[in-house]
């Protein structure tokens, strides 16, 4: 049995795919939503699986690195495509390394590029 908790953060950013069919994609922006599903094998202190407050703060701090910026300029994405898939993996790795999850771990991260398009990284 595991418990699953979801936290989310939003940011506005511009990007373009540098390696794309026909050449680099034109610069454009999105209203991003990042949803992180965290799982824990048991309840912790105060009968919570994952404390929403530090988990959400950690996710928001990562999102702030991109807010109103050009994602391609971020050191983690220099020379790489800034796809929703790559962003989902980035958020999963950074959130897991943040130390904010207690004994929980990241089960999946979904990055929404606007209200209709999304990509999910999953531990499966």
PDB file of N, CA and C in Angstrom:
ATOM      1  N   UNK A   1       0.840  -1.175   0.000  1.00  0.00           N
ATOM      2  CA  UNK A   1       0.000   0.000   0.000  1.00  0.00           C
ATOM      3  C   UNK A   1       0.893   1.249   0.000  1.00  0.00           C
ATOM      4  N   UNK A   2       0.526   2.215  -0.812  1.00  0.00           N
ATOM      5  CA  UNK A   2       1.227   3.493  -0.807  1.00  0.00           C
ATOM      6  C   UNK A   2       0.206   4.623  -0.804  1.00  0.00           C
ATOM      7  N   UNK A   3       0.658   5.768  -0.345  1.00  0.00           N
ATOM      8  CA  UNK A   3      -0.144   6.985  -0.392  1.00  0.00           C
ATOM      9  C   UNK A   3       0.409   7.848  -1.514  1.00  0.00           C
ATOM     10  N   UNK A   4      -0.476   8.537  -2.214  1.00  0.00           N
ATOM     11  CA  UNK A   4      -0.064   9.447  -3.282  1.00  0.00           C
ATOM     12  C   UNK A   4      -0.604  10.839  -2.983  1.00  0.00           C
ATOM     13  N   UNK A   5       0.272  11.809  -3.094  1.00  0.00           N
ATOM     14  CA  UNK A   5      -0.052  13.207  -2.847  1.00  0.00           C
ATOM     15  C   UNK A   5       0.407  13.992  -4.065  1.00  0.00           C
ATOM     16  N   UNK A   6      -0.383  14.973  -4.496  1.00  0.00           N
ATOM     17  CA  UNK A   6      -0.026  15.776  -5.664  1.00  0.00           C
ATOM     18  C   UNK A   6       0.120  17.239  -5.273  1.00  0.00           C
ATOM     19  N   UNK A   7       1.219  17.843  -5.715  1.00  0.00           N
ATOM     20  CA  UNK A   7       1.429  19.283  -5.558  1.00  0.00           C
ATOM     21  C   UNK A   7       1.654  19.866  -6.947  1.00  0.00           C
ATOM     22  N   UNK A   8       1.381  21.154  -7.083  1.00  0.00           N
ATOM     23  CA  UNK A   8       1.521  21.772  -8.400  1.00  0.00           C
ATOM     24  C   UNK A   8       2.105  23.170  -8.288  1.00  0.00           C
ATOM     25  N   UNK A   9       2.636  23.639  -9.417  1.00  0.00           N
ATOM     26  CA  UNK A   9       3.187  24.994  -9.521  1.00  0.00           C
ATOM     27  C   UNK A   9       2.987  25.468 -10.953  1.00  0.00           C
ATOM     28  N   UNK A  10       2.922  26.768 -11.114  1.00  0.00           N
ATOM     29  CA  UNK A  10       2.748  27.378 -12.441  1.00  0.00           C
ATOM     30  C   UNK A  10       3.913  28.307 -12.741  1.00  0.00           C
ATOM     31  N   UNK A  11       4.183  28.448 -14.034  1.00  0.00           N
ATOM     32  CA  UNK A  11       5.136  29.466 -14.468  1.00  0.00           C
ATOM     33  C   UNK A  11       4.858  29.829 -15.916  1.00  0.00           C
ATOM     34  N   UNK A  12       5.298  31.011 -16.293  1.00  0.00           N
ATOM     35  CA  UNK A  12       5.192  31.515 -17.667  1.00  0.00           C
ATOM     36  C   UNK A  12       6.595  31.554 -18.230  1.00  0.00           C
ATOM     37  N   UNK A  13       6.777  31.021 -19.427  1.00  0.00           N
ATOM     38  CA  UNK A  13       8.125  31.018 -19.993  1.00  0.00           C
ATOM     39  C   UNK A  13       8.071  30.892 -21.508  1.00  0.00           C
ATOM     40  N   UNK A  14       9.182  31.294 -22.110  1.00  0.00           N
ATOM     41  CA  UNK A  14       9.365  31.147 -23.553  1.00  0.00           C
ATOM     42  C   UNK A  14      10.393  30.048 -23.801  1.00  0.00           C
ATOM     43  N   UNK A  15      10.289  29.427 -24.978  1.00  0.00           N
ATOM     44  CA  UNK A  15      11.270  28.418 -25.359  1.00  0.00           C
ATOM     45  C   UNK A  15      11.151  28.175 -26.858  1.00  0.00           C
ATOM     46  N   UNK A  16      12.059  27.417 -27.362  1.00  0.00           N
ATOM     47  CA  UNK A  16      11.938  26.860 -28.711  1.00  0.00           C
ATOM     48  C   UNK A  16      12.802  25.608 -28.780  1.00  0.00           C
ATOM     49  N   UNK A  17      12.337  24.661 -29.578  1.00  0.00           N
ATOM     50  CA  UNK A  17      13.123  23.440 -29.782  1.00  0.00           C
ATOM     51  C   UNK A  17      14.229  23.768 -30.756  1.00  0.00           C
ATOM     52  N   UNK A  18      15.450  23.443 -30.373  1.00  0.00           N
ATOM     53  CA  UNK A  18      16.595  23.774 -31.224  1.00  0.00           C
ATOM     54  C   UNK A  18      16.880  22.689 -32.251  1.00  0.00           C
ATOM     55  N   UNK A  19      16.451  21.482 -31.953  1.00  0.00           N
ATOM     56  CA  UNK A  19      16.622  20.355 -32.866  1.00  0.00           C
ATOM     57  C   UNK A  19      15.226  19.895 -33.241  1.00  0.00           C
ATOM     58  N   UNK A  20      14.760  20.314 -34.410  1.00  0.00           N
ATOM     59  CA  UNK A  20      13.376  20.072 -34.802  1.00  0.00           C
ATOM     60  C   UNK A  20      13.326  19.889 -36.311  1.00  0.00           C
ATOM     61  N   UNK A  21      12.368  19.123 -36.766  1.00  0.00           N
ATOM     62  CA  UNK A  21      12.229  18.870 -38.195  1.00  0.00           C
ATOM     63  C   UNK A  21      12.123  20.189 -38.958  1.00  0.00           C
ATOM     64  N   UNK A  22      12.991  20.369 -39.932  1.00  0.00           N
ATOM     65  CA  UNK A  22      12.993  21.591 -40.730  1.00  0.00           C
ATOM     66  C   UNK A  22      13.821  22.713 -40.134  1.00  0.00           C
ATOM     67  N   UNK A  23      14.459  22.469 -39.012  1.00  0.00           N
ATOM     68  CA  UNK A  23      15.284  23.496 -38.374  1.00  0.00           C
ATOM     69  C   UNK A  23      14.711  23.889 -37.027  1.00  0.00           C
ATOM     70  N   UNK A  24      15.348  24.840 -36.353  1.00  0.00           N
ATOM     71  CA  UNK A  24      14.865  25.241 -35.030  1.00  0.00           C
ATOM     72  C   UNK A  24      13.424  25.739 -35.088  1.00  0.00           C
ATOM     73  N   UNK A  25      12.698  25.423 -34.057  1.00  0.00           N
ATOM     74  CA  UNK A  25      11.315  25.873 -33.917  1.00  0.00           C
ATOM     75  C   UNK A  25      11.310  27.368 -33.583  1.00  0.00           C
ATOM     76  N   UNK A  26      10.312  28.121 -34.034  1.00  0.00           N
ATOM     77  CA  UNK A  26      10.254  29.544 -33.678  1.00  0.00           C
ATOM     78  C   UNK A  26      10.080  29.736 -32.163  1.00  0.00           C
ATOM     79  N   UNK A  27      10.636  30.817 -31.664  1.00  0.00           N
ATOM     80  CA  UNK A  27      10.476  31.182 -30.261  1.00  0.00           C
ATOM     81  C   UNK A  27       8.990  31.409 -29.973  1.00  0.00           C
ATOM     82  N   UNK A  28       8.506  30.844 -28.853  1.00  0.00           N
ATOM     83  CA  UNK A  28       7.119  31.030 -28.437  1.00  0.00           C
ATOM     84  C   UNK A  28       7.027  30.776 -26.937  1.00  0.00           C
ATOM     85  N   UNK A  29       5.893  31.104 -26.353  1.00  0.00           N
ATOM     86  CA  UNK A  29       5.730  30.957 -24.916  1.00  0.00           C
ATOM     87  C   UNK A  29       4.546  30.093 -24.543  1.00  0.00           C
ATOM     88  N   UNK A  30       4.543  29.692 -23.287  1.00  0.00           N
ATOM     89  CA  UNK A  30       3.460  28.880 -22.740  1.00  0.00           C
ATOM     90  C   UNK A  30       3.165  29.320 -21.311  1.00  0.00           C
ATOM     91  N   UNK A  31       1.955  29.033 -20.881  1.00  0.00           N
ATOM     92  CA  UNK A  31       1.590  29.063 -19.471  1.00  0.00           C
ATOM     93  C   UNK A  31       1.730  27.625 -18.997  1.00  0.00           C
ATOM     94  N   UNK A  32       2.784  27.352 -18.260  1.00  0.00           N
ATOM     95  CA  UNK A  32       3.088  25.986 -17.830  1.00  0.00           C
ATOM     96  C   UNK A  32       2.431  25.675 -16.487  1.00  0.00           C
ATOM     97  N   UNK A  33       2.026  24.434 -16.344  1.00  0.00           N
ATOM     98  CA  UNK A  33       1.580  23.888 -15.074  1.00  0.00           C
ATOM     99  C   UNK A  33       2.379  22.611 -14.852  1.00  0.00           C
ATOM    100  N   UNK A  34       2.976  22.492 -13.675  1.00  0.00           N
ATOM    101  CA  UNK A  34       3.726  21.284 -13.317  1.00  0.00           C
ATOM    102  C   UNK A  34       2.992  20.612 -12.161  1.00  0.00           C
ATOM    103  N   UNK A  35       2.669  19.339 -12.346  1.00  0.00           N
ATOM    104  CA  UNK A  35       2.026  18.549 -11.300  1.00  0.00           C
ATOM    105  C   UNK A  35       2.974  17.411 -10.917  1.00  0.00           C
ATOM    106  N   UNK A  36       3.288  17.334  -9.646  1.00  0.00           N
ATOM    107  CA  UNK A  36       4.174  16.285  -9.154  1.00  0.00           C
ATOM    108  C   UNK A  36       3.384  15.364  -8.237  1.00  0.00           C
ATOM    109  N   UNK A  37       3.372  14.080  -8.583  1.00  0.00           N
ATOM    110  CA  UNK A  37       2.722  13.067  -7.755  1.00  0.00           C
ATOM    111  C   UNK A  37       3.812  12.420  -6.906  1.00  0.00           C
ATOM    112  N   UNK A  38       3.622  12.486  -5.608  1.00  0.00           N
ATOM    113  CA  UNK A  38       4.596  11.971  -4.659  1.00  0.00           C
ATOM    114  C   UNK A  38       3.984  10.772  -3.961  1.00  0.00           C
ATOM    115  N   UNK A  39       4.801   9.774  -3.682  1.00  0.00           N
ATOM    116  CA  UNK A  39       4.260   8.596  -3.007  1.00  0.00           C
ATOM    117  C   UNK A  39       5.108   8.243  -1.800  1.00  0.00           C
ATOM    118  N   UNK A  40       4.413   7.749  -0.786  1.00  0.00           N
ATOM    119  CA  UNK A  40       5.070   7.347   0.458  1.00  0.00           C
ATOM    120  C   UNK A  40       4.465   6.018   0.910  1.00  0.00           C
ATOM    121  N   UNK A  41       5.287   5.139   1.473  1.00  0.00           N
ATOM    122  CA  UNK A  41       4.797   3.814   1.867  1.00  0.00           C
ATOM    123  C   UNK A  41       3.941   3.822   3.132  1.00  0.00           C
ATOM    124  N   UNK A  42       4.050   4.894   3.922  1.00  0.00           N
ATOM    125  CA  UNK A  42       3.273   4.953   5.164  1.00  0.00           C
ATOM    126  C   UNK A  42       3.114   6.402   5.585  1.00  0.00           C
ATOM    127  N   UNK A  43       2.274   6.596   6.557  1.00  0.00           N
ATOM    128  CA  UNK A  43       2.069   7.934   7.091  1.00  0.00           C
ATOM    129  C   UNK A  43       3.247   8.327   7.964  1.00  0.00           C
ATOM    130  N   UNK A  44       3.555   9.605   7.929  1.00  0.00           N
ATOM    131  CA  UNK A  44       4.645  10.136   8.740  1.00  0.00           C
ATOM    132  C   UNK A  44       4.056  10.860   9.950  1.00  0.00           C
ATOM    133  N   UNK A  45       4.827  11.748  10.477  1.00  0.00           N
ATOM    134  CA  UNK A  45       4.402  12.549  11.621  1.00  0.00           C
ATOM    135  C   UNK A  45       3.087  13.264  11.314  1.00  0.00           C
ATOM    136  N   UNK A  46       2.228  13.354  12.278  1.00  0.00           N
ATOM    137  CA  UNK A  46       0.910  13.996  12.160  1.00  0.00           C
ATOM    138  C   UNK A  46      -0.007  13.271  11.186  1.00  0.00           C
ATOM    139  N   UNK A  47       0.288  12.019  10.876  1.00  0.00           N
ATOM    140  CA  UNK A  47      -0.552  11.199   9.993  1.00  0.00           C
ATOM    141  C   UNK A  47      -0.652  11.759   8.579  1.00  0.00           C
ATOM    142  N   UNK A  48       0.425  12.310   8.074  1.00  0.00           N
ATOM    143  CA  UNK A  48       0.463  12.740   6.679  1.00  0.00           C
ATOM    144  C   UNK A  48       1.509  11.915   5.945  1.00  0.00           C
ATOM    145  N   UNK A  49       1.226  11.616   4.697  1.00  0.00           N
ATOM    146  CA  UNK A  49       2.184  10.860   3.886  1.00  0.00           C
ATOM    147  C   UNK A  49       3.308  11.771   3.413  1.00  0.00           C
ATOM    148  N   UNK A  50       2.929  12.938   2.915  1.00  0.00           N
ATOM    149  CA  UNK A  50       3.875  13.947   2.452  1.00  0.00           C
ATOM    150  C   UNK A  50       3.324  15.288   2.907  1.00  0.00           C
ATOM    151  N   UNK A  51       4.144  16.077   3.528  1.00  0.00           N
ATOM    152  CA  UNK A  51       3.704  17.400   3.962  1.00  0.00           C
ATOM    153  C   UNK A  51       3.580  18.302   2.736  1.00  0.00           C
ATOM    154  N   UNK A  52       2.358  18.775   2.463  1.00  0.00           N
ATOM    155  CA  UNK A  52       2.122  19.625   1.296  1.00  0.00           C
ATOM    156  C   UNK A  52       2.998  20.880   1.301  1.00  0.00           C
ATOM    157  N   UNK A  53       3.170  21.484   2.462  1.00  0.00           N
ATOM    158  CA  UNK A  53       3.829  22.794   2.525  1.00  0.00           C
ATOM    159  C   UNK A  53       5.269  22.745   2.012  1.00  0.00           C
ATOM    160  N   UNK A  54       6.166  21.930   2.563  1.00  0.00           N
ATOM    161  CA  UNK A  54       7.529  21.923   2.035  1.00  0.00           C
ATOM    162  C   UNK A  54       7.623  21.349   0.623  1.00  0.00           C
ATOM    163  N   UNK A  55       6.761  20.386   0.294  1.00  0.00           N
ATOM    164  CA  UNK A  55       6.800  19.808  -1.056  1.00  0.00           C
ATOM    165  C   UNK A  55       6.411  20.855  -2.088  1.00  0.00           C
ATOM    166  N   UNK A  56       5.345  21.610  -1.812  1.00  0.00           N
ATOM    167  CA  UNK A  56       4.901  22.650  -2.739  1.00  0.00           C
ATOM    168  C   UNK A  56       5.927  23.776  -2.833  1.00  0.00           C
ATOM    169  N   UNK A  57       6.504  24.169  -1.709  1.00  0.00           N
ATOM    170  CA  UNK A  57       7.537  25.216  -1.725  1.00  0.00           C
ATOM    171  C   UNK A  57       8.730  24.793  -2.570  1.00  0.00           C
ATOM    172  N   UNK A  58       9.131  23.538  -2.448  1.00  0.00           N
ATOM    173  CA  UNK A  58      10.260  23.041  -3.238  1.00  0.00           C
ATOM    174  C   UNK A  58       9.933  23.058  -4.722  1.00  0.00           C
ATOM    175  N   UNK A  59       8.730  22.609  -5.091  1.00  0.00           N
ATOM    176  CA  UNK A  59       8.324  22.611  -6.490  1.00  0.00           C
ATOM    177  C   UNK A  59       8.238  24.037  -7.025  1.00  0.00           C
ATOM    178  N   UNK A  60       7.671  24.940  -6.251  1.00  0.00           N
ATOM    179  CA  UNK A  60       7.568  26.336  -6.670  1.00  0.00           C
ATOM    180  C   UNK A  60       8.940  26.983  -6.839  1.00  0.00           C
ATOM    181  N   UNK A  61       9.887  26.632  -5.993  1.00  0.00           N
ATOM    182  CA  UNK A  61      11.246  27.176  -6.115  1.00  0.00           C
ATOM    183  C   UNK A  61      11.893  26.733  -7.422  1.00  0.00           C
ATOM    184  N   UNK A  62      11.661  25.490  -7.815  1.00  0.00           N
ATOM    185  CA  UNK A  62      12.202  25.005  -9.090  1.00  0.00           C
ATOM    186  C   UNK A  62      11.519  25.735 -10.247  1.00  0.00           C
ATOM    187  N   UNK A  63      10.196  25.875 -10.184  1.00  0.00           N
ATOM    188  CA  UNK A  63       9.453  26.564 -11.246  1.00  0.00           C
ATOM    189  C   UNK A  63       9.901  28.022 -11.373  1.00  0.00           C
ATOM    190  N   UNK A  64      10.242  28.648 -10.269  1.00  0.00           N
ATOM    191  CA  UNK A  64      10.664  30.049 -10.278  1.00  0.00           C
ATOM    192  C   UNK A  64      11.930  30.251 -11.117  1.00  0.00           C
ATOM    193  N   UNK A  65      12.743  29.211 -11.248  1.00  0.00           N
ATOM    194  CA  UNK A  65      13.952  29.303 -12.078  1.00  0.00           C
ATOM    195  C   UNK A  65      13.609  29.600 -13.538  1.00  0.00           C
ATOM    196  N   UNK A  66      12.371  29.281 -13.945  1.00  0.00           N
ATOM    197  CA  UNK A  66      11.951  29.454 -15.335  1.00  0.00           C
ATOM    198  C   UNK A  66      10.960  30.596 -15.534  1.00  0.00           C
ATOM    199  N   UNK A  67      10.355  31.087 -14.467  1.00  0.00           N
ATOM    200  CA  UNK A  67       9.245  32.024 -14.580  1.00  0.00           C
ATOM    201  C   UNK A  67       9.660  33.311 -15.287  1.00  0.00           C
ATOM    202  N   UNK A  68       8.956  33.617 -16.362  1.00  0.00           N
ATOM    203  CA  UNK A  68       9.193  34.799 -17.207  1.00  0.00           C
ATOM    204  C   UNK A  68      10.613  34.832 -17.754  1.00  0.00           C
ATOM    205  N   UNK A  69      11.100  33.660 -18.119  1.00  0.00           N
ATOM    206  CA  UNK A  69      12.449  33.547 -18.683  1.00  0.00           C
ATOM    207  C   UNK A  69      12.404  32.719 -19.959  1.00  0.00           C
ATOM    208  N   UNK A  70      13.541  32.674 -20.620  1.00  0.00           N
ATOM    209  CA  UNK A  70      13.741  31.852 -21.810  1.00  0.00           C
ATOM    210  C   UNK A  70      14.349  30.543 -21.330  1.00  0.00           C
ATOM    211  N   UNK A  71      13.591  29.467 -21.380  1.00  0.00           N
ATOM    212  CA  UNK A  71      14.021  28.183 -20.806  1.00  0.00           C
ATOM    213  C   UNK A  71      15.344  27.712 -21.402  1.00  0.00           C
ATOM    214  N   UNK A  72      15.549  27.969 -22.682  1.00  0.00           N
ATOM    215  CA  UNK A  72      16.772  27.515 -23.339  1.00  0.00           C
ATOM    216  C   UNK A  72      18.039  28.088 -22.704  1.00  0.00           C
ATOM    217  N   UNK A  73      17.926  29.216 -21.987  1.00  0.00           N
ATOM    218  CA  UNK A  73      19.084  29.815 -21.316  1.00  0.00           C
ATOM    219  C   UNK A  73      19.425  29.147 -19.995  1.00  0.00           C
ATOM    220  N   UNK A  74      18.539  28.316 -19.462  1.00  0.00           N
ATOM    221  CA  UNK A  74      18.807  27.639 -18.192  1.00  0.00           C
ATOM    222  C   UNK A  74      19.989  26.688 -18.397  1.00  0.00           C
ATOM    223  N   UNK A  75      20.929  26.652 -17.459  1.00  0.00           N
ATOM    224  CA  UNK A  75      22.110  25.789 -17.621  1.00  0.00           C
ATOM    225  C   UNK A  75      21.790  24.324 -17.907  1.00  0.00           C
ATOM    226  N   UNK A  76      20.706  23.807 -17.359  1.00  0.00           N
ATOM    227  CA  UNK A  76      20.353  22.398 -17.579  1.00  0.00           C
ATOM    228  C   UNK A  76      19.882  22.127 -19.006  1.00  0.00           C
ATOM    229  N   UNK A  77      19.540  23.175 -19.746  1.00  0.00           N
ATOM    230  CA  UNK A  77      18.980  22.974 -21.081  1.00  0.00           C
ATOM    231  C   UNK A  77      19.824  23.569 -22.203  1.00  0.00           C
ATOM    232  N   UNK A  78      20.989  24.045 -21.896  1.00  0.00           N
ATOM    233  CA  UNK A  78      21.856  24.564 -22.956  1.00  0.00           C
ATOM    234  C   UNK A  78      22.244  23.421 -23.882  1.00  0.00           C
ATOM    235  N   UNK A  79      21.902  23.585 -25.154  1.00  0.00           N
ATOM    236  CA  UNK A  79      22.221  22.561 -26.141  1.00  0.00           C
ATOM    237  C   UNK A  79      21.250  21.394 -26.168  1.00  0.00           C
ATOM    238  N   UNK A  80      20.168  21.471 -25.397  1.00  0.00           N
ATOM    239  CA  UNK A  80      19.163  20.390 -25.342  1.00  0.00           C
ATOM    240  C   UNK A  80      17.805  20.946 -25.717  1.00  0.00           C
ATOM    241  N   UNK A  81      16.950  20.098 -26.200  1.00  0.00           N
ATOM    242  CA  UNK A  81      15.583  20.506 -26.483  1.00  0.00           C
ATOM    243  C   UNK A  81      14.806  20.716 -25.194  1.00  0.00           C
ATOM    244  N   UNK A  82      14.050  21.788 -25.166  1.00  0.00           N
ATOM    245  CA  UNK A  82      13.254  22.143 -23.993  1.00  0.00           C
ATOM    246  C   UNK A  82      11.838  21.592 -24.140  1.00  0.00           C
ATOM    247  N   UNK A  83      11.749  20.318 -24.410  1.00  0.00           N
ATOM    248  CA  UNK A  83      10.449  19.662 -24.560  1.00  0.00           C
ATOM    249  C   UNK A  83       9.778  19.512 -23.199  1.00  0.00           C
ATOM    250  N   UNK A  84       8.481  19.317 -23.217  1.00  0.00           N
ATOM    251  CA  UNK A  84       7.753  19.046 -21.979  1.00  0.00           C
ATOM    252  C   UNK A  84       8.276  17.766 -21.329  1.00  0.00           C
ATOM    253  N   UNK A  85       8.682  16.805 -22.147  1.00  0.00           N
ATOM    254  CA  UNK A  85       9.234  15.552 -21.619  1.00  0.00           C
ATOM    255  C   UNK A  85      10.526  15.807 -20.835  1.00  0.00           C
ATOM    256  N   UNK A  86      11.427  16.599 -21.418  1.00  0.00           N
ATOM    257  CA  UNK A  86      12.685  16.909 -20.729  1.00  0.00           C
ATOM    258  C   UNK A  86      12.442  17.752 -19.481  1.00  0.00           C
ATOM    259  N   UNK A  87      11.483  18.668 -19.540  1.00  0.00           N
ATOM    260  CA  UNK A  87      11.143  19.460 -18.360  1.00  0.00           C
ATOM    261  C   UNK A  87      10.579  18.568 -17.249  1.00  0.00           C
ATOM    262  N   UNK A  88       9.739  17.607 -17.596  1.00  0.00           N
ATOM    263  CA  UNK A  88       9.168  16.708 -16.594  1.00  0.00           C
ATOM    264  C   UNK A  88      10.273  15.928 -15.877  1.00  0.00           C
ATOM    265  N   UNK A  89      11.218  15.408 -16.615  1.00  0.00           N
ATOM    266  CA  UNK A  89      12.337  14.689 -16.002  1.00  0.00           C
ATOM    267  C   UNK A  89      13.156  15.621 -15.112  1.00  0.00           C
ATOM    268  N   UNK A  90      13.430  16.832 -15.593  1.00  0.00           N
ATOM    269  CA  UNK A  90      14.188  17.812 -14.813  1.00  0.00           C
ATOM    270  C   UNK A  90      13.498  18.083 -13.475  1.00  0.00           C
ATOM    271  N   UNK A  91      12.194  18.359 -13.518  1.00  0.00           N
ATOM    272  CA  UNK A  91      11.466  18.632 -12.285  1.00  0.00           C
ATOM    273  C   UNK A  91      11.477  17.421 -11.354  1.00  0.00           C
ATOM    274  N   UNK A  92      11.326  16.224 -11.881  1.00  0.00           N
ATOM    275  CA  UNK A  92      11.345  15.017 -11.053  1.00  0.00           C
ATOM    276  C   UNK A  92      12.682  14.874 -10.334  1.00  0.00           C
ATOM    277  N   UNK A  93      13.764  15.031 -11.074  1.00  0.00           N
ATOM    278  CA  UNK A  93      15.099  14.876 -10.475  1.00  0.00           C
ATOM    279  C   UNK A  93      15.379  15.950  -9.435  1.00  0.00           C
ATOM    280  N   UNK A  94      15.041  17.189  -9.740  1.00  0.00           N
ATOM    281  CA  UNK A  94      15.302  18.290  -8.807  1.00  0.00           C
ATOM    282  C   UNK A  94      14.440  18.196  -7.561  1.00  0.00           C
ATOM    283  N   UNK A  95      13.180  17.821  -7.724  1.00  0.00           N
ATOM    284  CA  UNK A  95      12.295  17.708  -6.568  1.00  0.00           C
ATOM    285  C   UNK A  95      12.747  16.576  -5.665  1.00  0.00           C
ATOM    286  N   UNK A  96      13.125  15.474  -6.248  1.00  0.00           N
ATOM    287  CA  UNK A  96      13.604  14.332  -5.450  1.00  0.00           C
ATOM    288  C   UNK A  96      14.871  14.713  -4.671  1.00  0.00           C
ATOM    289  N   UNK A  97      15.734  15.493  -5.281  1.00  0.00           N
ATOM    290  CA  UNK A  97      16.991  15.890  -4.641  1.00  0.00           C
ATOM    291  C   UNK A  97      16.822  17.055  -3.654  1.00  0.00           C
ATOM    292  N   UNK A  98      15.641  17.627  -3.584  1.00  0.00           N
ATOM    293  CA  UNK A  98      15.433  18.822  -2.770  1.00  0.00           C
ATOM    294  C   UNK A  98      15.498  18.574  -1.269  1.00  0.00           C
ATOM    295  N   UNK A  99      15.244  17.341  -0.847  1.00  0.00           N
ATOM    296  CA  UNK A  99      15.212  17.039   0.580  1.00  0.00           C
ATOM    297  C   UNK A  99      13.895  17.394   1.247  1.00  0.00           C
ATOM    298  N   UNK A 100      12.905  17.848   0.473  1.00  0.00           N
ATOM    299  CA  UNK A 100      11.640  18.304   1.035  1.00  0.00           C
ATOM    300  C   UNK A 100      10.591  17.200   1.148  1.00  0.00           C
ATOM    301  N   UNK A 101      10.911  15.992   0.712  1.00  0.00           N
ATOM    302  CA  UNK A 101       9.887  14.959   0.614  1.00  0.00           C
ATOM    303  C   UNK A 101       9.877  13.956   1.757  1.00  0.00           C
ATOM    304  N   UNK A 102      10.760  14.112   2.718  1.00  0.00           N
ATOM    305  CA  UNK A 102      10.826  13.112   3.786  1.00  0.00           C
ATOM    306  C   UNK A 102      11.198  11.773   3.183  1.00  0.00           C
ATOM    307  N   UNK A 103      10.460  10.722   3.536  1.00  0.00           N
ATOM    308  CA  UNK A 103      10.774   9.417   2.938  1.00  0.00           C
ATOM    309  C   UNK A 103       9.947   9.139   1.694  1.00  0.00           C
ATOM    310  N   UNK A 104       9.225  10.140   1.220  1.00  0.00           N
ATOM    311  CA  UNK A 104       8.465   9.982  -0.025  1.00  0.00           C
ATOM    312  C   UNK A 104       9.404  10.071  -1.219  1.00  0.00           C
ATOM    313  N   UNK A 105       8.878   9.687  -2.367  1.00  0.00           N
ATOM    314  CA  UNK A 105       9.641   9.811  -3.600  1.00  0.00           C
ATOM    315  C   UNK A 105       8.708  10.309  -4.699  1.00  0.00           C
ATOM    316  N   UNK A 106       9.287  10.798  -5.762  1.00  0.00           N
ATOM    317  CA  UNK A 106       8.509  11.285  -6.889  1.00  0.00           C
ATOM    318  C   UNK A 106       8.040  10.083  -7.703  1.00  0.00           C
ATOM    319  N   UNK A 107       6.740   9.955  -7.879  1.00  0.00           N
ATOM    320  CA  UNK A 107       6.179   8.868  -8.682  1.00  0.00           C
ATOM    321  C   UNK A 107       6.031   9.291 -10.134  1.00  0.00           C
ATOM    322  N   UNK A 108       5.590  10.540 -10.340  1.00  0.00           N
ATOM    323  CA  UNK A 108       5.461  11.055 -11.698  1.00  0.00           C
ATOM    324  C   UNK A 108       5.369  12.570 -11.675  1.00  0.00           C
ATOM    325  N   UNK A 109       5.736  13.157 -12.792  1.00  0.00           N
ATOM    326  CA  UNK A 109       5.625  14.601 -12.987  1.00  0.00           C
ATOM    327  C   UNK A 109       5.000  14.831 -14.350  1.00  0.00           C
ATOM    328  N   UNK A 110       3.977  15.678 -14.379  1.00  0.00           N
ATOM    329  CA  UNK A 110       3.336  16.067 -15.627  1.00  0.00           C
ATOM    330  C   UNK A 110       3.582  17.553 -15.847  1.00  0.00           C
ATOM    331  N   UNK A 111       4.035  17.884 -17.044  1.00  0.00           N
ATOM    332  CA  UNK A 111       4.230  19.277 -17.437  1.00  0.00           C
ATOM    333  C   UNK A 111       3.202  19.596 -18.509  1.00  0.00           C
ATOM    334  N   UNK A 112       2.361  20.576 -18.212  1.00  0.00           N
ATOM    335  CA  UNK A 112       1.348  21.054 -19.146  1.00  0.00           C
ATOM    336  C   UNK A 112       1.890  22.273 -19.876  1.00  0.00           C
ATOM    337  N   UNK A 113       1.814  22.259 -21.193  1.00  0.00           N
ATOM    338  CA  UNK A 113       2.112  23.430 -22.019  1.00  0.00           C
ATOM    339  C   UNK A 113       0.758  24.015 -22.422  1.00  0.00           C
ATOM    340  N   UNK A 114       0.194  24.841 -21.583  1.00  0.00           N
ATOM    341  CA  UNK A 114      -1.145  25.351 -21.829  1.00  0.00           C
ATOM    342  C   UNK A 114      -2.181  24.351 -21.360  1.00  0.00           C
ATOM    343  N   UNK A 115      -3.456  24.599 -21.690  1.00  0.00           N
ATOM    344  CA  UNK A 115      -4.536  23.786 -21.128  1.00  0.00           C
ATOM    345  C   UNK A 115      -4.759  22.426 -21.790  1.00  0.00           C
ATOM    346  N   UNK A 116      -4.113  22.150 -22.916  1.00  0.00           N
ATOM    347  CA  UNK A 116      -4.430  20.913 -23.629  1.00  0.00           C
ATOM    348  C   UNK A 116      -3.272  19.942 -23.802  1.00  0.00           C
ATOM    349  N   UNK A 117      -2.054  20.419 -23.890  1.00  0.00           N
ATOM    350  CA  UNK A 117      -0.919  19.546 -24.199  1.00  0.00           C
ATOM    351  C   UNK A 117      -0.074  19.299 -22.957  1.00  0.00           C
ATOM    352  N   UNK A 118       0.272  18.028 -22.758  1.00  0.00           N
ATOM    353  CA  UNK A 118       1.055  17.677 -21.578  1.00  0.00           C
ATOM    354  C   UNK A 118       1.940  16.480 -21.873  1.00  0.00           C
ATOM    355  N   UNK A 119       2.992  16.358 -21.058  1.00  0.00           N
ATOM    356  CA  UNK A 119       3.871  15.180 -21.108  1.00  0.00           C
ATOM    357  C   UNK A 119       4.134  14.767 -19.663  1.00  0.00           C
ATOM    358  N   UNK A 120       4.195  13.457 -19.463  1.00  0.00           N
ATOM    359  CA  UNK A 120       4.389  12.923 -18.121  1.00  0.00           C
ATOM    360  C   UNK A 120       5.617  12.032 -18.072  1.00  0.00           C
ATOM    361  N   UNK A 121       6.442  12.270 -17.058  1.00  0.00           N
ATOM    362  CA  UNK A 121       7.526  11.352 -16.705  1.00  0.00           C
ATOM    363  C   UNK A 121       6.981  10.505 -15.568  1.00  0.00           C
ATOM    364  N   UNK A 122       7.215   9.200 -15.632  1.00  0.00           N
ATOM    365  CA  UNK A 122       6.744   8.294 -14.594  1.00  0.00           C
ATOM    366  C   UNK A 122       7.849   7.332 -14.191  1.00  0.00           C
ATOM    367  N   UNK A 123       7.865   7.000 -12.926  1.00  0.00           N
ATOM    368  CA  UNK A 123       8.865   6.057 -12.414  1.00  0.00           C
ATOM    369  C   UNK A 123       8.610   4.634 -12.893  1.00  0.00           C
ATOM    370  N   UNK A 124       7.435   4.331 -13.401  1.00  0.00           N
ATOM    371  CA  UNK A 124       7.063   2.965 -13.793  1.00  0.00           C
ATOM    372  C   UNK A 124       8.128   2.259 -14.559  1.00  0.00           C
TER     373      UNK A 124
END
